[in-house]
Amino acid sequence: MADVWTPEWSNAVFSTQERDRRWKRVRELMARDGIDVLVCMPCTNNHNRGAADARYLTQLGENSDESSVVFPLEGDVTAWHSRGGVWPSSNWLTDIRPAPRGTGGRTIADRLKEMGVERQTIGICGLTSSLLGHVRELEGEVNWQSVEIVKREFPNARIVSGTDVLGEARFQKSEEEVEFIRKGVHIAEKTIQKVAEVARDGVAERHVFAHMNFVSAELGGSFQPMFGWISGPLGNTYHRVEQPSFRNFHNGDVLSIEFEGIWGGYIAQLDQTFSIGPAHQDLKDGTKLAIEAYDRAFAAMRPGVTVGELIDAAEVRGMGGRGKASLTMHGRGTGDDGPLVTSRITPELRAVEMKEGCCMIIKPSASVDGKSDYGKSDYGHWGESLVVRAKGAERLGTRAQALIECV
């Protein structure tokens, strides 16, 4: 087995300068919050986004392999995979040990004993959700039994959540991180191009999906990308199932997909609607509303703007009162980055301010003809990842803002 990492046997990886920047920032936040050691337990929830903190600290976690990390305020960083030693993304550290799957609590407890941890403060990443990290897991997402092992083995230690520290550290991206997300956007754009080439009346959904995965793999994308998949007749689409069915496409169908392009574990995202055959006028008009909502949020995006201001800016009505578009938005990076704007809007969320270096996906969608504000959904999706700069937002993609007709 290889025992030294080399660029010839590698995935996309960050520089050691990027490692030093992250580790310094995380340790500054740990010192501020009185945390002596951070631990990341194995978690492959939600397309492996539960491992976002471990990936941020180590780059490890290829193909959803379980990863654990002990990250002290001072001293060496230790990580675990199912197999120890060199991995394609292990250029940041050498102490990578093997651990049987499903043993995160025991593994971390043994290492903390080696380090002499007794009365220190231990921060467990993912123990809770926050506005900036693990945003889709309101009750946290670490294994309960693993946490109980650490609590039992260290009765005199102070056990706290490490989610706020990593969420804040991950919120503002470096230029290296931005470029990884930009490369992910490129992969997603090429995937969109392939769908436009092959999706037609009579073509199997799974045939299109296979082409999407081929493009992602051929361009160097990390596995396994999530493709949010909505398809079916206009006005009666099947919900977002994230996979194709066994059906064939038919003229008059709508296909709306959230495309993930992942480069070196960094998740970019685009949102695109396709019409199978010539588009119905309602779909054309709905897509225009979604694009207008995107443009309004994009124009408002800058350091200091609040989530609430962005939500308000993106509220668009049209089509003679029949149509409405509204904001969906969340962070992009190693996992479930925040803030998350979907259906659960709280005053605390509305008050979150954007900062320079934040990378977000803005992806409004349109609905029409409803007795409620939501109406019939999936009448146009359009979204793209961006980075917040000092004077405004920068698109990370180059594709046209348009509905795509597959004819």
Protein backbone atom coordinates (compact mmCIF):
# COMPACT_ATOMS: atom_id res chain seq x y z
CA MET A 1 0.00 0.00 0.00
CA ALA A 2 1.12 3.57 -0.66
CA ASP A 3 2.52 5.24 2.44
CA VAL A 4 3.23 8.76 1.14
CA TRP A 5 0.72 11.10 -0.51
CA THR A 6 1.71 12.28 -3.98
CA PRO A 7 -0.01 14.57 -6.53
CA GLU A 8 0.01 11.69 -9.04
CA TRP A 9 -2.36 9.69 -6.84
CA SER A 10 -4.78 12.34 -5.73
CA ASN A 11 -8.18 13.91 -5.84
CA ALA A 12 -8.62 17.67 -6.07
CA VAL A 13 -6.98 19.03 -2.92
CA PHE A 14 -6.29 22.37 -1.29
CA SER A 15 -2.87 23.82 -0.53
CA THR A 16 -1.17 23.56 2.85
CA GLN A 17 -1.50 27.36 3.06
CA GLU A 18 -5.29 26.90 2.95
CA ARG A 19 -4.98 24.26 5.68
CA ASP A 20 -2.99 26.64 7.87
CA ARG A 21 -5.53 29.44 7.32
CA ARG A 22 -8.47 27.24 8.30
CA TRP A 23 -6.83 25.66 11.29
CA LYS A 24 -5.73 29.07 12.60
CA ARG A 25 -9.23 30.50 12.22
CA VAL A 26 -10.93 27.52 13.85
CA ARG A 27 -8.52 27.67 16.79
CA GLU A 28 -9.18 31.38 17.22
CA LEU A 29 -12.89 30.63 17.49
CA MET A 30 -12.26 27.71 19.84
CA ALA A 31 -10.21 29.95 22.14
CA ARG A 32 -12.93 32.61 22.07
CA ASP A 33 -15.58 30.05 23.07
CA GLY A 34 -13.44 28.23 25.63
CA ILE A 35 -13.25 24.91 23.72
CA ASP A 36 -10.10 22.81 24.23
CA VAL A 37 -10.74 20.13 21.63
CA LEU A 38 -13.20 19.66 18.77
CA VAL A 39 -14.31 16.19 17.71
CA CYS A 40 -16.10 15.12 14.55
CA MET A 41 -17.90 11.78 14.68
CA PRO A 42 -18.84 9.68 11.64
CA CYS A 43 -21.96 10.97 9.92
CA THR A 44 -22.88 10.35 6.28
CA ASN A 45 -26.41 11.80 6.52
CA ASN A 46 -28.03 13.68 3.65
CA HIS A 47 -25.72 12.87 0.74
CA ASN A 48 -22.72 12.79 3.08
CA ARG A 49 -23.22 16.41 4.12
CA GLY A 50 -23.22 15.31 7.75
CA ALA A 51 -19.44 14.96 7.36
CA ALA A 52 -19.03 18.62 6.33
CA ASP A 53 -17.03 19.61 9.42
CA ALA A 54 -14.62 16.69 9.16
CA ARG A 55 -14.09 17.43 5.48
CA TYR A 56 -13.50 21.11 6.21
CA LEU A 57 -10.79 20.26 8.75
CA THR A 58 -9.09 17.40 6.89
CA GLN A 59 -10.45 17.08 3.29
CA LEU A 60 -11.10 13.40 4.05
CA GLY A 61 -14.34 11.54 3.34
CA GLU A 62 -14.09 10.13 -0.16
CA ASN A 63 -17.12 8.22 -1.40
CA SER A 64 -18.97 8.71 1.90
CA ASP A 65 -16.43 6.74 3.91
CA GLU A 66 -16.88 7.30 7.64
CA SER A 67 -14.44 9.86 9.00
CA SER A 68 -13.66 10.93 12.55
CA VAL A 69 -11.43 13.78 13.68
CA VAL A 70 -9.89 15.01 16.91
CA PHE A 71 -8.85 18.65 16.52
CA PRO A 72 -7.14 20.12 19.60
CA LEU A 73 -6.62 23.78 20.41
CA GLU A 74 -2.91 23.02 20.25
CA GLY A 75 -1.02 20.04 18.86
CA ASP A 76 -1.44 17.47 16.14
CA VAL A 77 -4.68 16.65 14.37
CA THR A 78 -5.76 12.99 14.23
CA ALA A 79 -8.25 11.46 11.81
CA TRP A 80 -9.75 8.02 11.21
CA HIS A 81 -11.08 6.22 8.16
CA SER A 82 -12.09 2.61 7.64
CA ARG A 83 -8.49 2.13 6.54
CA GLY A 84 -5.57 4.12 7.87
CA GLY A 85 -2.70 5.68 5.98
CA VAL A 86 -2.64 7.56 2.72
CA TRP A 87 -5.80 8.60 0.88
CA PRO A 88 -6.15 10.61 -2.34
CA SER A 89 -7.03 13.74 -0.32
CA SER A 90 -4.66 13.29 2.63
CA ASN A 91 -2.01 15.90 1.81
CA TRP A 92 -2.85 17.89 4.96
CA LEU A 93 -1.98 15.36 7.66
CA THR A 94 -0.26 12.02 8.21
CA ASP A 95 -1.91 10.70 11.39
CA ILE A 96 -4.80 8.87 9.72
CA ARG A 97 -5.70 5.73 11.64
CA PRO A 98 -8.01 2.82 10.86
CA ALA A 99 -11.27 2.43 12.76
CA PRO A 100 -14.02 -0.18 12.36
CA ARG A 101 -17.16 1.35 10.93
CA GLY A 102 -19.67 2.47 13.52
CA THR A 103 -17.14 3.06 16.31
CA GLY A 104 -16.75 6.84 16.33
CA GLY A 105 -17.47 7.34 20.03
CA ARG A 106 -15.10 4.62 21.19
CA THR A 107 -12.37 5.72 18.78
CA ILE A 108 -12.53 9.35 19.86
CA ALA A 109 -12.72 8.50 23.56
CA ASP A 110 -9.58 6.37 23.34
CA ARG A 111 -7.68 9.16 21.58
CA LEU A 112 -8.80 11.77 24.12
CA LYS A 113 -7.49 9.51 26.88
CA GLU A 114 -4.14 9.29 25.08
CA MET A 115 -4.07 13.09 25.08
CA GLY A 116 -4.81 13.31 28.80
CA VAL A 117 -8.17 15.01 28.43
CA GLU A 118 -9.98 14.98 31.79
CA ARG A 119 -11.54 18.29 32.76
CA GLN A 120 -11.27 20.19 29.51
CA THR A 121 -14.10 21.40 27.31
CA ILE A 122 -14.93 19.03 24.42
CA GLY A 123 -16.87 20.43 21.48
CA ILE A 124 -18.82 17.87 19.46
CA CYS A 125 -19.46 19.02 15.90
CA GLY A 126 -22.99 18.38 14.68
CA LEU A 127 -24.35 17.94 18.20
CA THR A 128 -26.81 20.73 17.43
CA SER A 129 -28.00 22.69 14.43
CA SER A 130 -27.30 26.40 13.96
CA LEU A 131 -28.16 29.15 11.51
CA LEU A 132 -24.87 28.56 9.69
CA GLY A 133 -24.05 24.86 10.09
CA HIS A 134 -25.92 21.56 9.96
CA VAL A 135 -28.88 23.69 8.97
CA ARG A 136 -31.13 20.84 7.81
CA GLU A 137 -30.78 18.80 11.01
CA LEU A 138 -32.63 20.78 13.66
CA GLU A 139 -31.99 18.14 16.32
CA GLY A 140 -28.33 17.61 15.44
CA GLU A 141 -27.01 14.60 13.57
CA VAL A 142 -24.33 12.81 15.56
CA ASN A 143 -24.93 9.29 16.84
CA TRP A 144 -26.55 9.32 20.26
CA GLN A 145 -24.66 6.30 21.56
CA SER A 146 -21.32 7.81 20.44
CA VAL A 147 -22.06 10.96 22.43
CA GLU A 148 -23.05 8.88 25.45
CA ILE A 149 -19.71 7.03 25.31
CA VAL A 150 -17.78 10.31 25.42
CA LYS A 151 -19.92 11.63 28.28
CA ARG A 152 -19.48 8.42 30.24
CA GLU A 153 -15.72 8.21 29.71
CA PHE A 154 -15.14 11.86 30.62
CA PRO A 155 -17.48 12.63 33.54
CA ASN A 156 -15.46 15.65 34.60
CA ALA A 157 -15.24 17.20 31.17
CA ARG A 158 -17.54 19.91 29.86
CA ILE A 159 -19.38 18.67 26.76
CA VAL A 160 -20.65 21.37 24.38
CA SER A 161 -21.67 21.68 20.74
CA GLY A 162 -18.96 22.55 18.23
CA THR A 163 -21.45 23.44 15.52
CA ASP A 164 -21.28 27.21 16.03
CA VAL A 165 -17.48 27.25 15.73
CA LEU A 166 -17.35 25.31 12.48
CA GLY A 167 -20.44 27.05 11.10
CA GLU A 168 -18.85 30.45 11.59
CA ALA A 169 -15.49 29.33 10.23
CA ARG A 170 -17.07 27.85 7.11
CA PHE A 171 -19.38 30.82 6.46
CA GLN A 172 -16.80 33.04 4.71
CA LYS A 173 -14.84 31.33 1.97
CA SER A 174 -11.22 31.88 0.91
CA GLU A 175 -10.33 32.42 -2.73
CA GLU A 176 -9.22 28.77 -2.95
CA GLU A 177 -12.64 27.68 -1.73
CA VAL A 178 -14.41 30.01 -4.16
CA GLU A 179 -12.43 28.51 -7.05
CA PHE A 180 -13.41 24.99 -6.00
CA ILE A 181 -17.07 26.03 -6.05
CA ARG A 182 -16.56 27.73 -9.41
CA LYS A 183 -15.19 24.46 -10.81
CA GLY A 184 -18.22 22.68 -9.40
CA VAL A 185 -20.45 25.16 -11.22
CA HIS A 186 -18.60 24.39 -14.46
CA ILE A 187 -19.34 20.68 -13.98
CA ALA A 188 -23.02 21.44 -13.34
CA GLU A 189 -23.24 23.66 -16.44
CA LYS A 190 -21.79 20.90 -18.62
CA THR A 191 -24.32 18.51 -17.10
CA ILE A 192 -27.15 20.90 -18.00
CA GLN A 193 -25.80 21.07 -21.55
CA LYS A 194 -25.90 17.28 -21.81
CA VAL A 195 -29.50 17.11 -20.57
CA ALA A 196 -30.47 19.67 -23.22
CA GLU A 197 -28.87 17.42 -25.85
CA VAL A 198 -30.45 14.10 -24.90
CA ALA A 199 -33.82 14.77 -23.20
CA ARG A 200 -36.60 14.38 -25.78
CA ASP A 201 -40.10 13.00 -26.24
CA GLY A 202 -39.91 9.19 -25.86
CA VAL A 203 -36.48 9.15 -24.16
CA ALA A 204 -36.27 7.31 -20.83
CA GLU A 205 -35.68 9.44 -17.74
CA ARG A 206 -32.97 7.01 -16.64
CA HIS A 207 -31.15 7.39 -19.96
CA VAL A 208 -30.86 11.13 -19.31
CA PHE A 209 -29.79 10.52 -15.71
CA ALA A 210 -27.04 8.15 -16.86
CA HIS A 211 -25.62 10.84 -19.14
CA MET A 212 -25.64 13.30 -16.25
CA ASN A 213 -23.56 11.00 -14.07
CA PHE A 214 -21.14 10.29 -16.90
CA VAL A 215 -20.47 14.01 -17.46
CA SER A 216 -19.89 14.60 -13.75
CA ALA A 217 -17.44 11.71 -13.48
CA GLU A 218 -15.58 12.52 -16.69
CA LEU A 219 -15.00 16.13 -15.61
CA GLY A 220 -13.52 15.10 -12.27
CA GLY A 221 -16.53 15.60 -10.03
CA SER A 222 -16.62 14.10 -6.55
CA PHE A 223 -19.06 11.28 -5.87
CA GLN A 224 -21.98 11.09 -5.40
CA PRO A 225 -23.61 14.29 -6.65
CA MET A 226 -27.22 14.96 -5.74
CA PHE A 227 -29.55 15.77 -8.62
CA GLY A 228 -32.87 17.08 -7.32
CA TRP A 229 -35.31 15.68 -9.87
CA ILE A 230 -38.83 16.93 -10.62
CA SER A 231 -40.63 15.65 -13.72
CA GLY A 232 -44.07 15.11 -15.18
CA PRO A 233 -46.81 16.98 -17.02
CA LEU A 234 -46.96 20.73 -16.48
CA GLY A 235 -49.19 21.41 -13.50
CA ASN A 236 -48.98 17.81 -12.25
CA THR A 237 -45.30 17.10 -11.70
CA TYR A 238 -43.96 14.40 -9.41
CA HIS A 239 -42.29 15.83 -6.34
CA ARG A 240 -38.54 16.26 -5.91
CA VAL A 241 -37.49 12.63 -5.75
CA GLU A 242 -33.74 13.10 -6.48
CA GLN A 243 -33.81 10.21 -8.93
CA PRO A 244 -35.43 9.33 -12.24
CA SER A 245 -38.42 7.03 -12.56
CA PHE A 246 -38.87 4.24 -15.12
CA ARG A 247 -41.10 6.44 -17.26
CA ASN A 248 -40.27 8.00 -20.62
CA PHE A 249 -40.54 11.72 -21.26
CA HIS A 250 -43.47 13.05 -23.28
CA ASN A 251 -44.04 16.34 -25.04
CA GLY A 252 -45.65 18.71 -22.57
CA ASP A 253 -43.55 17.44 -19.66
CA VAL A 254 -41.53 19.66 -17.39
CA LEU A 255 -38.13 18.60 -16.05
CA SER A 256 -36.69 20.73 -13.26
CA ILE A 257 -33.38 19.67 -11.73
CA GLU A 258 -31.11 20.98 -9.02
CA PHE A 259 -27.69 20.16 -10.42
CA GLU A 260 -24.81 19.57 -8.06
CA GLY A 261 -21.31 19.91 -9.38
CA ILE A 262 -18.83 18.78 -6.73
CA TRP A 263 -15.12 19.52 -6.98
CA GLY A 264 -12.83 18.24 -4.23
CA GLY A 265 -15.83 17.73 -1.96
CA TYR A 266 -17.05 21.31 -2.46
CA ILE A 267 -20.68 21.41 -3.53
CA ALA A 268 -21.81 23.94 -6.11
CA GLN A 269 -25.39 23.99 -7.36
CA LEU A 270 -27.47 25.23 -10.27
CA ASP A 271 -31.25 25.05 -10.78
CA GLN A 272 -32.72 24.66 -14.27
CA THR A 273 -36.10 23.97 -15.85
CA PHE A 274 -36.51 22.18 -19.19
CA SER A 275 -39.58 21.80 -21.36
CA ILE A 276 -39.92 18.54 -23.24
CA GLY A 277 -41.13 19.77 -26.59
CA PRO A 278 -42.25 23.36 -27.15
CA ALA A 279 -42.96 25.12 -23.86
CA HIS A 280 -46.43 26.16 -22.75
CA GLN A 281 -46.76 29.92 -22.38
CA ASP A 282 -47.42 29.58 -18.65
CA LEU A 283 -44.09 27.81 -18.22
CA LYS A 284 -42.32 30.52 -20.19
CA ASP A 285 -43.93 33.24 -18.12
CA GLY A 286 -43.32 31.42 -14.83
CA THR A 287 -39.64 30.98 -15.64
CA LYS A 288 -39.39 34.70 -16.36
CA LEU A 289 -40.79 35.38 -12.89
CA ALA A 290 -38.20 33.04 -11.30
CA ILE A 291 -35.39 34.76 -13.20
CA GLU A 292 -36.69 38.19 -12.16
CA ALA A 293 -36.72 37.04 -8.53
CA TYR A 294 -33.14 35.81 -8.93
CA ASP A 295 -32.04 39.11 -10.45
CA ARG A 296 -33.64 41.13 -7.65
CA ALA A 297 -31.95 39.05 -4.94
CA PHE A 298 -28.65 39.16 -6.84
CA ALA A 299 -28.83 42.95 -7.11
CA ALA A 300 -29.48 43.24 -3.37
CA MET A 301 -26.71 40.82 -2.38
CA ARG A 302 -23.79 42.55 -0.65
CA PRO A 303 -21.99 42.47 2.70
CA GLY A 304 -24.35 43.58 5.47
CA VAL A 305 -27.62 42.79 3.70
CA THR A 306 -29.89 40.64 5.84
CA VAL A 307 -31.62 37.44 4.85
CA GLY A 308 -34.93 39.18 5.46
CA GLU A 309 -34.07 41.93 3.00
CA LEU A 310 -33.17 39.32 0.37
CA ILE A 311 -36.44 37.44 0.94
CA ASP A 312 -38.41 40.64 0.51
CA ALA A 313 -36.46 41.70 -2.58
CA ALA A 314 -37.17 38.39 -4.33
CA GLU A 315 -40.95 38.40 -3.87
CA VAL A 316 -42.33 38.75 -7.40
CA ARG A 317 -45.88 38.57 -8.73
CA GLY A 318 -47.05 38.68 -12.32
CA MET A 319 -49.02 36.95 -15.08
CA GLY A 320 -52.02 39.15 -14.34
CA GLY A 321 -51.97 38.09 -10.70
CA ARG A 322 -51.81 34.37 -11.55
CA GLY A 323 -48.12 33.87 -10.90
CA LYS A 324 -45.72 34.25 -8.00
CA ALA A 325 -41.98 33.64 -7.51
CA SER A 326 -40.19 33.60 -4.18
CA LEU A 327 -36.74 33.00 -2.79
CA THR A 328 -35.09 29.73 -1.92
CA MET A 329 -31.46 30.16 -0.85
CA HIS A 330 -28.74 28.52 1.18
CA GLY A 331 -24.98 28.37 1.57
CA ARG A 332 -22.70 26.25 -0.56
CA GLY A 333 -19.46 24.58 0.53
CA THR A 334 -18.69 21.25 2.18
CA GLY A 335 -22.20 20.43 3.33
CA ASP A 336 -25.34 21.88 4.86
CA ASP A 337 -24.05 25.44 4.94
CA GLY A 338 -26.35 28.21 6.04
CA PRO A 339 -28.30 30.34 6.15
CA LEU A 340 -31.13 28.19 4.83
CA VAL A 341 -34.15 29.93 3.28
CA THR A 342 -36.92 27.45 2.52
CA SER A 343 -40.26 27.19 4.32
CA ARG A 344 -39.09 27.73 7.91
CA ILE A 345 -38.42 31.46 8.27
CA THR A 346 -37.76 32.79 11.76
CA PRO A 347 -36.89 36.30 13.00
CA GLU A 348 -33.41 35.02 13.87
CA LEU A 349 -32.92 33.76 10.32
CA ARG A 350 -34.16 37.02 8.79
CA ALA A 351 -31.58 38.91 10.88
CA VAL A 352 -28.54 36.98 9.58
CA GLU A 353 -26.21 39.26 7.61
CA MET A 354 -24.26 38.30 4.52
CA LYS A 355 -20.50 38.75 4.65
CA GLU A 356 -17.80 39.09 2.04
CA GLY A 357 -16.73 35.64 0.86
CA CYS A 358 -20.06 33.92 1.50
CA CYS A 359 -21.00 31.48 -1.27
CA MET A 360 -24.72 30.98 -1.78
CA ILE A 361 -27.14 29.34 -4.18
CA ILE A 362 -30.07 31.60 -5.07
CA LYS A 363 -32.80 29.53 -6.72
CA PRO A 364 -36.28 31.07 -6.87
CA SER A 365 -39.21 29.07 -8.23
CA ALA A 366 -42.57 30.09 -9.67
CA SER A 367 -46.11 28.89 -9.03
CA VAL A 368 -49.39 29.80 -10.73
CA ASP A 369 -53.14 29.55 -10.38
CA GLY A 370 -53.44 28.64 -6.74
CA LYS A 371 -56.05 29.41 -4.13
CA SER A 372 -53.14 29.83 -1.75
CA ASP A 373 -49.99 31.88 -2.26
CA TYR A 374 -48.20 28.76 -3.48
CA GLY A 375 -50.59 27.54 -6.16
CA LYS A 376 -49.46 24.90 -8.63
CA SER A 377 -45.73 24.52 -8.29
CA ASP A 378 -42.90 23.89 -10.77
CA TYR A 379 -43.79 26.56 -13.30
CA GLY A 380 -40.19 27.66 -13.58
CA HIS A 381 -36.98 27.22 -11.58
CA TRP A 382 -33.74 29.09 -12.20
CA GLY A 383 -30.80 29.30 -9.86
CA GLU A 384 -27.06 29.73 -9.68
CA SER A 385 -24.24 29.77 -7.13
CA LEU A 386 -22.56 33.09 -6.37
CA VAL A 387 -19.96 34.65 -4.10
CA VAL A 388 -20.48 37.84 -2.10
CA ARG A 389 -17.82 40.42 -2.91
CA ALA A 390 -17.07 43.75 -1.22
CA LYS A 391 -19.34 45.72 -3.56
CA GLY A 392 -21.93 43.11 -4.53
CA ALA A 393 -22.35 39.58 -5.85
CA GLU A 394 -20.39 37.69 -8.50
CA ARG A 395 -21.98 34.91 -10.54
CA LEU A 396 -19.91 31.73 -10.55
CA GLY A 397 -21.52 30.47 -13.76
CA THR A 398 -21.86 31.72 -17.32
CA ARG A 399 -24.98 30.07 -18.74
CA ALA A 400 -27.92 32.02 -20.12
CA GLN A 401 -30.84 32.88 -17.86
CA ALA A 402 -33.52 31.04 -19.78
CA LEU A 403 -35.92 28.12 -19.93
CA ILE A 404 -34.48 25.31 -22.08
CA GLU A 405 -36.80 23.71 -24.65
CA CYS A 406 -35.81 20.16 -25.60
CA VAL A 407 -37.18 19.71 -29.12
